[in-house]
Amino acid sequence: MKSYLDILERLGYVMPNELGVSLILNSLNEDYDQFVQNYNMHMGKTIDELHAMLKLYEKGIPKKAETPAVLAIREGKIQKDKKNHEGKK
């Protein structure tokens, strides 16, 4: 998000600090809820200071267990319901 604000600044559109901070804080997921609450109690930081604080906070967030994205398929065989086929014999 900070990179977008930097690009806007290079293009000549300087976003007010309060708006930039609000955009950044609102874009964070629930892992950062405690950080956002703490930040709101100690307002007045610049975007660069906020960025440094977020990088430091991110190091302390526990990593979530990775969920396998692909399910294993047994060599292309399709498992059929045995109840439907037992009566057809």
PDB file of N, CA and C in Angstrom:
ATOM      1  N   MET A   1       0.833  -1.184   0.000  1.00  0.00           N
ATOM      2  CA  MET A   1       0.000   0.000   0.000  1.00  0.00           C
ATOM      3  C   MET A   1       0.879   1.250   0.000  1.00  0.00           C
ATOM      4  N   LYS A   2       1.961   1.194   0.753  1.00  0.00           N
ATOM      5  CA  LYS A   2       2.852   2.348   0.816  1.00  0.00           C
ATOM      6  C   LYS A   2       3.436   2.647  -0.551  1.00  0.00           C
ATOM      7  N   SER A   3       3.717   1.611  -1.330  1.00  0.00           N
ATOM      8  CA  SER A   3       4.289   1.830  -2.660  1.00  0.00           C
ATOM      9  C   SER A   3       3.309   2.590  -3.555  1.00  0.00           C
ATOM     10  N   TYR A   4       2.011   2.333  -3.404  1.00  0.00           N
ATOM     11  CA  TYR A   4       1.020   3.080  -4.180  1.00  0.00           C
ATOM     12  C   TYR A   4       1.038   4.555  -3.799  1.00  0.00           C
ATOM     13  N   LEU A   5       1.161   4.825  -2.517  1.00  0.00           N
ATOM     14  CA  LEU A   5       1.229   6.213  -2.068  1.00  0.00           C
ATOM     15  C   LEU A   5       2.493   6.891  -2.582  1.00  0.00           C
ATOM     16  N   ASP A   6       3.602   6.153  -2.617  1.00  0.00           N
ATOM     17  CA  ASP A   6       4.853   6.698  -3.151  1.00  0.00           C
ATOM     18  C   ASP A   6       4.723   7.019  -4.639  1.00  0.00           C
ATOM     19  N   ILE A   7       4.058   6.147  -5.387  1.00  0.00           N
ATOM     20  CA  ILE A   7       3.862   6.380  -6.821  1.00  0.00           C
ATOM     21  C   ILE A   7       3.008   7.620  -7.043  1.00  0.00           C
ATOM     22  N   LEU A   8       1.930   7.751  -6.276  1.00  0.00           N
ATOM     23  CA  LEU A   8       1.086   8.940  -6.391  1.00  0.00           C
ATOM     24  C   LEU A   8       1.881  10.210  -6.112  1.00  0.00           C
ATOM     25  N   GLU A   9       2.757  10.149  -5.113  1.00  0.00           N
ATOM     26  CA  GLU A   9       3.576  11.309  -4.771  1.00  0.00           C
ATOM     27  C   GLU A   9       4.515  11.663  -5.925  1.00  0.00           C
ATOM     28  N   ARG A  10       5.124  10.643  -6.557  1.00  0.00           N
ATOM     29  CA  ARG A  10       6.013  10.892  -7.700  1.00  0.00           C
ATOM     30  C   ARG A  10       5.260  11.478  -8.883  1.00  0.00           C
ATOM     31  N   LEU A  11       3.978  11.146  -9.004  1.00  0.00           N
ATOM     32  CA  LEU A  11       3.163  11.678 -10.092  1.00  0.00           C
ATOM     33  C   LEU A  11       2.630  13.077  -9.801  1.00  0.00           C
ATOM     34  N   GLY A  12       2.938  13.576  -8.617  1.00  0.00           N
ATOM     35  CA  GLY A  12       2.543  14.941  -8.281  1.00  0.00           C
ATOM     36  C   GLY A  12       1.322  15.056  -7.400  1.00  0.00           C
ATOM     37  N   TYR A  13       0.723  13.943  -7.025  1.00  0.00           N
ATOM     38  CA  TYR A  13      -0.425  13.976  -6.124  1.00  0.00           C
ATOM     39  C   TYR A  13       0.035  13.545  -4.742  1.00  0.00           C
ATOM     40  N   VAL A  14       0.187  14.523  -3.871  1.00  0.00           N
ATOM     41  CA  VAL A  14       0.613  14.225  -2.506  1.00  0.00           C
ATOM     42  C   VAL A  14      -0.640  14.038  -1.660  1.00  0.00           C
ATOM     43  N   MET A  15      -0.815  12.835  -1.164  1.00  0.00           N
ATOM     44  CA  MET A  15      -1.974  12.521  -0.341  1.00  0.00           C
ATOM     45  C   MET A  15      -1.726  13.010   1.083  1.00  0.00           C
ATOM     46  N   PRO A  16      -2.734  13.608   1.707  1.00  0.00           N
ATOM     47  CA  PRO A  16      -2.562  14.018   3.109  1.00  0.00           C
ATOM     48  C   PRO A  16      -2.187  12.821   3.983  1.00  0.00           C
ATOM     49  N   ASN A  17      -1.321  13.053   4.960  1.00  0.00           N
ATOM     50  CA  ASN A  17      -0.809  11.980   5.818  1.00  0.00           C
ATOM     51  C   ASN A  17      -1.936  11.202   6.493  1.00  0.00           C
ATOM     52  N   GLU A  18      -2.937  11.906   7.008  1.00  0.00           N
ATOM     53  CA  GLU A  18      -4.029  11.238   7.720  1.00  0.00           C
ATOM     54  C   GLU A  18      -4.790  10.283   6.799  1.00  0.00           C
ATOM     55  N   LEU A  19      -5.004  10.698   5.550  1.00  0.00           N
ATOM     56  CA  LEU A  19      -5.710   9.845   4.599  1.00  0.00           C
ATOM     57  C   LEU A  19      -4.868   8.621   4.243  1.00  0.00           C
ATOM     58  N   GLY A  20      -3.585   8.815   4.032  1.00  0.00           N
ATOM     59  CA  GLY A  20      -2.688   7.702   3.725  1.00  0.00           C
ATOM     60  C   GLY A  20      -2.638   6.692   4.857  1.00  0.00           C
ATOM     61  N   VAL A  21      -2.539   7.183   6.088  1.00  0.00           N
ATOM     62  CA  VAL A  21      -2.507   6.294   7.257  1.00  0.00           C
ATOM     63  C   VAL A  21      -3.824   5.528   7.361  1.00  0.00           C
ATOM     64  N   SER A  22      -4.948   6.208   7.155  1.00  0.00           N
ATOM     65  CA  SER A  22      -6.252   5.537   7.223  1.00  0.00           C
ATOM     66  C   SER A  22      -6.372   4.448   6.168  1.00  0.00           C
ATOM     67  N   LEU A  23      -5.915   4.730   4.950  1.00  0.00           N
ATOM     68  CA  LEU A  23      -5.962   3.721   3.888  1.00  0.00           C
ATOM     69  C   LEU A  23      -5.130   2.499   4.251  1.00  0.00           C
ATOM     70  N   ILE A  24      -3.948   2.730   4.789  1.00  0.00           N
ATOM     71  CA  ILE A  24      -3.069   1.618   5.163  1.00  0.00           C
ATOM     72  C   ILE A  24      -3.691   0.790   6.281  1.00  0.00           C
ATOM     73  N   LEU A  25      -4.159   1.449   7.331  1.00  0.00           N
ATOM     74  CA  LEU A  25      -4.725   0.725   8.472  1.00  0.00           C
ATOM     75  C   LEU A  25      -5.980  -0.054   8.081  1.00  0.00           C
ATOM     76  N   ASN A  26      -6.805   0.516   7.205  1.00  0.00           N
ATOM     77  CA  ASN A  26      -8.030  -0.168   6.785  1.00  0.00           C
ATOM     78  C   ASN A  26      -7.762  -1.327   5.838  1.00  0.00           C
ATOM     79  N   SER A  27      -6.590  -1.374   5.237  1.00  0.00           N
ATOM     80  CA  SER A  27      -6.276  -2.462   4.312  1.00  0.00           C
ATOM     81  C   SER A  27      -5.686  -3.686   5.013  1.00  0.00           C
ATOM     82  N   LEU A  28      -5.389  -3.581   6.297  1.00  0.00           N
ATOM     83  CA  LEU A  28      -4.767  -4.686   7.032  1.00  0.00           C
ATOM     84  C   LEU A  28      -5.801  -5.753   7.394  1.00  0.00           C
ATOM     85  N   ASN A  29      -5.372  -7.015   7.444  1.00  0.00           N
ATOM     86  CA  ASN A  29      -6.290  -8.090   7.825  1.00  0.00           C
ATOM     87  C   ASN A  29      -6.378  -8.199   9.348  1.00  0.00           C
ATOM     88  N   GLU A  30      -7.155  -9.173   9.828  1.00  0.00           N
ATOM     89  CA  GLU A  30      -7.428  -9.277  11.267  1.00  0.00           C
ATOM     90  C   GLU A  30      -6.199  -9.621  12.100  1.00  0.00           C
ATOM     91  N   ASP A  31      -5.140 -10.108  11.475  1.00  0.00           N
ATOM     92  CA  ASP A  31      -3.909 -10.375  12.224  1.00  0.00           C
ATOM     93  C   ASP A  31      -3.334  -9.093  12.822  1.00  0.00           C
ATOM     94  N   TYR A  32      -3.714  -7.963  12.253  1.00  0.00           N
ATOM     95  CA  TYR A  32      -3.178  -6.675  12.682  1.00  0.00           C
ATOM     96  C   TYR A  32      -4.150  -5.891  13.569  1.00  0.00           C
ATOM     97  N   ASP A  33      -5.245  -6.510  14.002  1.00  0.00           N
ATOM     98  CA  ASP A  33      -6.241  -5.795  14.809  1.00  0.00           C
ATOM     99  C   ASP A  33      -5.635  -5.176  16.064  1.00  0.00           C
ATOM    100  N   GLN A  34      -4.800  -5.931  16.759  1.00  0.00           N
ATOM    101  CA  GLN A  34      -4.173  -5.420  17.977  1.00  0.00           C
ATOM    102  C   GLN A  34      -3.250  -4.243  17.648  1.00  0.00           C
ATOM    103  N   PHE A  35      -2.524  -4.346  16.550  1.00  0.00           N
ATOM    104  CA  PHE A  35      -1.643  -3.260  16.130  1.00  0.00           C
ATOM    105  C   PHE A  35      -2.450  -2.001  15.835  1.00  0.00           C
ATOM    106  N   VAL A  36      -3.546  -2.145  15.083  1.00  0.00           N
ATOM    107  CA  VAL A  36      -4.374  -0.995  14.714  1.00  0.00           C
ATOM    108  C   VAL A  36      -4.938  -0.333  15.960  1.00  0.00           C
ATOM    109  N   GLN A  37      -5.406  -1.138  16.899  1.00  0.00           N
ATOM    110  CA  GLN A  37      -5.946  -0.586  18.143  1.00  0.00           C
ATOM    111  C   GLN A  37      -4.867   0.186  18.898  1.00  0.00           C
ATOM    112  N   ASN A  38      -3.681  -0.373  18.992  1.00  0.00           N
ATOM    113  CA  ASN A  38      -2.577   0.293  19.672  1.00  0.00           C
ATOM    114  C   ASN A  38      -2.176   1.568  18.931  1.00  0.00           C
ATOM    115  N   TYR A  39      -2.128   1.500  17.597  1.00  0.00           N
ATOM    116  CA  TYR A  39      -1.742   2.672  16.808  1.00  0.00           C
ATOM    117  C   TYR A  39      -2.735   3.807  17.009  1.00  0.00           C
ATOM    118  N   ASN A  40      -4.021   3.479  17.038  1.00  0.00           N
ATOM    119  CA  ASN A  40      -5.043   4.512  17.195  1.00  0.00           C
ATOM    120  C   ASN A  40      -4.935   5.231  18.532  1.00  0.00           C
ATOM    121  N   MET A  41      -4.332   4.598  19.527  1.00  0.00           N
ATOM    122  CA  MET A  41      -4.121   5.252  20.823  1.00  0.00           C
ATOM    123  C   MET A  41      -2.914   6.186  20.790  1.00  0.00           C
ATOM    124  N   HIS A  42      -2.009   5.983  19.851  1.00  0.00           N
ATOM    125  CA  HIS A  42      -0.779   6.776  19.772  1.00  0.00           C
ATOM    126  C   HIS A  42      -0.643   7.391  18.386  1.00  0.00           C
ATOM    127  N   MET A  43      -1.637   8.143  17.970  1.00  0.00           N
ATOM    128  CA  MET A  43      -1.655   8.707  16.618  1.00  0.00           C
ATOM    129  C   MET A  43      -0.569   9.761  16.445  1.00  0.00           C
ATOM    130  N   GLY A  44      -0.391  10.178  15.199  1.00  0.00           N
ATOM    131  CA  GLY A  44       0.545  11.247  14.911  1.00  0.00           C
ATOM    132  C   GLY A  44       1.820  10.785  14.237  1.00  0.00           C
ATOM    133  N   LYS A  45       1.850   9.563  13.754  1.00  0.00           N
ATOM    134  CA  LYS A  45       3.036   9.044  13.073  1.00  0.00           C
ATOM    135  C   LYS A  45       2.931   9.336  11.576  1.00  0.00           C
ATOM    136  N   THR A  46       4.072   9.455  10.927  1.00  0.00           N
ATOM    137  CA  THR A  46       4.088   9.617   9.478  1.00  0.00           C
ATOM    138  C   THR A  46       3.907   8.251   8.826  1.00  0.00           C
ATOM    139  N   ILE A  47       3.690   8.253   7.526  1.00  0.00           N
ATOM    140  CA  ILE A  47       3.519   6.993   6.808  1.00  0.00           C
ATOM    141  C   ILE A  47       4.796   6.165   6.873  1.00  0.00           C
ATOM    142  N   ASP A  48       5.955   6.802   6.780  1.00  0.00           N
ATOM    143  CA  ASP A  48       7.218   6.063   6.886  1.00  0.00           C
ATOM    144  C   ASP A  48       7.386   5.439   8.268  1.00  0.00           C
ATOM    145  N   GLU A  49       6.998   6.166   9.316  1.00  0.00           N
ATOM    146  CA  GLU A  49       7.073   5.615  10.679  1.00  0.00           C
ATOM    147  C   GLU A  49       6.090   4.456  10.840  1.00  0.00           C
ATOM    148  N   LEU A  50       4.888   4.613  10.278  1.00  0.00           N
ATOM    149  CA  LEU A  50       3.889   3.545  10.328  1.00  0.00           C
ATOM    150  C   LEU A  50       4.408   2.307   9.598  1.00  0.00           C
ATOM    151  N   HIS A  51       5.026   2.500   8.445  1.00  0.00           N
ATOM    152  CA  HIS A  51       5.572   1.384   7.667  1.00  0.00           C
ATOM    153  C   HIS A  51       6.629   0.633   8.473  1.00  0.00           C
ATOM    154  N   ALA A  52       7.510   1.354   9.122  1.00  0.00           N
ATOM    155  CA  ALA A  52       8.547   0.718   9.949  1.00  0.00           C
ATOM    156  C   ALA A  52       7.920  -0.046  11.113  1.00  0.00           C
ATOM    157  N   MET A  53       6.893   0.530  11.728  1.00  0.00           N
ATOM    158  CA  MET A  53       6.216  -0.134  12.840  1.00  0.00           C
ATOM    159  C   MET A  53       5.531  -1.418  12.370  1.00  0.00           C
ATOM    160  N   LEU A  54       4.910  -1.377  11.197  1.00  0.00           N
ATOM    161  CA  LEU A  54       4.233  -2.559  10.663  1.00  0.00           C
ATOM    162  C   LEU A  54       5.218  -3.672  10.337  1.00  0.00           C
ATOM    163  N   LYS A  55       6.360  -3.325   9.774  1.00  0.00           N
ATOM    164  CA  LYS A  55       7.373  -4.335   9.465  1.00  0.00           C
ATOM    165  C   LYS A  55       7.865  -5.008  10.739  1.00  0.00           C
ATOM    166  N   LEU A  56       8.044  -4.232  11.790  1.00  0.00           N
ATOM    167  CA  LEU A  56       8.480  -4.783  13.066  1.00  0.00           C
ATOM    168  C   LEU A  56       7.393  -5.674  13.667  1.00  0.00           C
ATOM    169  N   TYR A  57       6.145  -5.227  13.619  1.00  0.00           N
ATOM    170  CA  TYR A  57       5.030  -5.999  14.164  1.00  0.00           C
ATOM    171  C   TYR A  57       4.849  -7.312  13.404  1.00  0.00           C
ATOM    172  N   GLU A  58       5.024  -7.261  12.078  1.00  0.00           N
ATOM    173  CA  GLU A  58       4.828  -8.437  11.244  1.00  0.00           C
ATOM    174  C   GLU A  58       5.765  -9.582  11.630  1.00  0.00           C
ATOM    175  N   LYS A  59       6.946  -9.248  12.101  1.00  0.00           N
ATOM    176  CA  LYS A  59       7.903 -10.279  12.519  1.00  0.00           C
ATOM    177  C   LYS A  59       7.380 -11.083  13.707  1.00  0.00           C
ATOM    178  N   GLY A  60       6.517 -10.482  14.522  1.00  0.00           N
ATOM    179  CA  GLY A  60       5.997 -11.153  15.707  1.00  0.00           C
ATOM    180  C   GLY A  60       4.718 -11.933  15.479  1.00  0.00           C
ATOM    181  N   ILE A  61       4.127 -11.827  14.281  1.00  0.00           N
ATOM    182  CA  ILE A  61       2.893 -12.556  14.001  1.00  0.00           C
ATOM    183  C   ILE A  61       3.236 -14.020  13.766  1.00  0.00           C
ATOM    184  N   PRO A  62       2.592 -14.934  14.508  1.00  0.00           N
ATOM    185  CA  PRO A  62       2.881 -16.360  14.299  1.00  0.00           C
ATOM    186  C   PRO A  62       2.425 -16.801  12.914  1.00  0.00           C
ATOM    187  N   LYS A  63       3.215 -17.643  12.309  1.00  0.00           N
ATOM    188  CA  LYS A  63       2.890 -18.155  10.973  1.00  0.00           C
ATOM    189  C   LYS A  63       1.761 -19.165  11.096  1.00  0.00           C
ATOM    190  N   LYS A  64       0.814 -19.106  10.164  1.00  0.00           N
ATOM    191  CA  LYS A  64      -0.295 -20.059  10.146  1.00  0.00           C
ATOM    192  C   LYS A  64       0.168 -21.337   9.470  1.00  0.00           C
ATOM    193  N   ALA A  65      -0.412 -22.446   9.891  1.00  0.00           N
ATOM    194  CA  ALA A  65      -0.072 -23.729   9.274  1.00  0.00           C
ATOM    195  C   ALA A  65      -0.508 -23.708   7.820  1.00  0.00           C
ATOM    196  N   GLU A  66       0.365 -24.180   6.967  1.00  0.00           N
ATOM    197  CA  GLU A  66       0.048 -24.196   5.547  1.00  0.00           C
ATOM    198  C   GLU A  66      -0.934 -25.322   5.250  1.00  0.00           C
ATOM    199  N   THR A  67      -1.981 -25.007   4.523  1.00  0.00           N
ATOM    200  CA  THR A  67      -2.971 -25.989   4.128  1.00  0.00           C
ATOM    201  C   THR A  67      -2.624 -26.468   2.728  1.00  0.00           C
ATOM    202  N   PRO A  68      -2.558 -27.779   2.536  1.00  0.00           N
ATOM    203  CA  PRO A  68      -2.231 -28.255   1.191  1.00  0.00           C
ATOM    204  C   PRO A  68      -3.299 -27.827   0.196  1.00  0.00           C
ATOM    205  N   ALA A  69      -2.878 -27.287  -0.922  1.00  0.00           N
ATOM    206  CA  ALA A  69      -3.810 -26.767  -1.914  1.00  0.00           C
ATOM    207  C   ALA A  69      -4.331 -27.851  -2.845  1.00  0.00           C
ATOM    208  N   VAL A  70      -3.633 -28.944  -2.923  1.00  0.00           N
ATOM    209  CA  VAL A  70      -4.023 -30.001  -3.854  1.00  0.00           C
ATOM    210  C   VAL A  70      -4.333 -31.262  -3.062  1.00  0.00           C
ATOM    211  N   LEU A  71      -5.454 -31.868  -3.371  1.00  0.00           N
ATOM    212  CA  LEU A  71      -5.812 -33.131  -2.724  1.00  0.00           C
ATOM    213  C   LEU A  71      -5.215 -34.280  -3.522  1.00  0.00           C
ATOM    214  N   ALA A  72      -4.794 -35.306  -2.811  1.00  0.00           N
ATOM    215  CA  ALA A  72      -4.215 -36.471  -3.484  1.00  0.00           C
ATOM    216  C   ALA A  72      -5.329 -37.305  -4.098  1.00  0.00           C
ATOM    217  N   ILE A  73      -5.135 -37.723  -5.335  1.00  0.00           N
ATOM    218  CA  ILE A  73      -6.093 -38.578  -6.034  1.00  0.00           C
ATOM    219  C   ILE A  73      -5.407 -39.909  -6.291  1.00  0.00           C
ATOM    220  N   ARG A  74      -6.104 -40.988  -5.974  1.00  0.00           N
ATOM    221  CA  ARG A  74      -5.491 -42.313  -6.098  1.00  0.00           C
ATOM    222  C   ARG A  74      -5.430 -42.737  -7.557  1.00  0.00           C
ATOM    223  N   GLU A  75      -4.360 -42.496  -8.206  1.00  0.00           N
ATOM    224  CA  GLU A  75      -4.030 -42.950  -9.554  1.00  0.00           C
ATOM    225  C   GLU A  75      -5.198 -42.878 -10.521  1.00  0.00           C
ATOM    226  N   GLY A  76      -5.973 -41.840 -10.475  1.00  0.00           N
ATOM    227  CA  GLY A  76      -7.041 -41.632 -11.443  1.00  0.00           C
ATOM    228  C   GLY A  76      -8.282 -42.467 -11.224  1.00  0.00           C
ATOM    229  N   LYS A  77      -8.325 -43.299 -10.199  1.00  0.00           N
ATOM    230  CA  LYS A  77      -9.496 -44.134  -9.943  1.00  0.00           C
ATOM    231  C   LYS A  77     -10.566 -43.293  -9.262  1.00  0.00           C
ATOM    232  N   ILE A  78     -11.780 -43.504  -9.671  1.00  0.00           N
ATOM    233  CA  ILE A  78     -12.900 -42.805  -9.052  1.00  0.00           C
ATOM    234  C   ILE A  78     -13.536 -43.757  -8.056  1.00  0.00           C
ATOM    235  N   GLN A  79     -13.680 -43.310  -6.828  1.00  0.00           N
ATOM    236  CA  GLN A  79     -14.301 -44.148  -5.810  1.00  0.00           C
ATOM    237  C   GLN A  79     -15.810 -44.034  -5.956  1.00  0.00           C
ATOM    238  N   LYS A  80     -16.466 -45.167  -6.115  1.00  0.00           N
ATOM    239  CA  LYS A  80     -17.910 -45.180  -6.287  1.00  0.00           C
ATOM    240  C   LYS A  80     -18.566 -45.663  -5.008  1.00  0.00           C
ATOM    241  N   ASP A  81     -19.781 -45.234  -4.839  1.00  0.00           N
ATOM    242  CA  ASP A  81     -20.563 -45.647  -3.684  1.00  0.00           C
ATOM    243  C   ASP A  81     -20.934 -47.115  -3.846  1.00  0.00           C
ATOM    244  N   LYS A  82     -20.519 -47.980  -2.919  1.00  0.00           N
ATOM    245  CA  LYS A  82     -20.739 -49.424  -3.020  1.00  0.00           C
ATOM    246  C   LYS A  82     -22.213 -49.790  -2.863  1.00  0.00           C
ATOM    247  N   LYS A  83     -22.985 -49.018  -2.147  1.00  0.00           N
ATOM    248  CA  LYS A  83     -24.395 -49.339  -1.910  1.00  0.00           C
ATOM    249  C   LYS A  83     -25.187 -49.358  -3.213  1.00  0.00           C
ATOM    250  N   ASN A  84     -24.924 -48.443  -4.108  1.00  0.00           N
ATOM    251  CA  ASN A  84     -25.666 -48.363  -5.365  1.00  0.00           C
ATOM    252  C   ASN A  84     -25.343 -49.522  -6.295  1.00  0.00           C
ATOM    253  N   HIS A  85     -24.156 -50.089  -6.218  1.00  0.00           N
ATOM    254  CA  HIS A  85     -23.733 -51.119  -7.148  1.00  0.00           C
ATOM    255  C   HIS A  85     -23.972 -52.536  -6.629  1.00  0.00           C
ATOM    256  N   GLU A  86     -24.196 -52.734  -5.341  1.00  0.00           N
ATOM    257  CA  GLU A  86     -24.402 -54.070  -4.796  1.00  0.00           C
ATOM    258  C   GLU A  86     -25.732 -54.646  -5.246  1.00  0.00           C
ATOM    259  N   GLY A  87     -26.749 -53.841  -5.387  1.00  0.00           N
ATOM    260  CA  GLY A  87     -28.064 -54.321  -5.775  1.00  0.00           C
ATOM    261  C   GLY A  87     -28.177 -54.628  -7.251  1.00  0.00           C
ATOM    262  N   LYS A  88     -27.248 -54.193  -8.075  1.00  0.00           N
ATOM    263  CA  LYS A  88     -27.316 -54.380  -9.522  1.00  0.00           C
ATOM    264  C   LYS A  88     -26.752 -55.715  -9.975  1.00  0.00           C
ATOM    265  N   LYS A  89     -26.154 -56.510  -9.117  1.00  0.00           N
ATOM    266  CA  LYS A  89     -25.529 -57.782  -9.506  1.00  0.00           C
ATOM    267  C   LYS A  89     -26.511 -58.808  -9.861  1.00  0.00           C
TER     268      LYS A  89
END
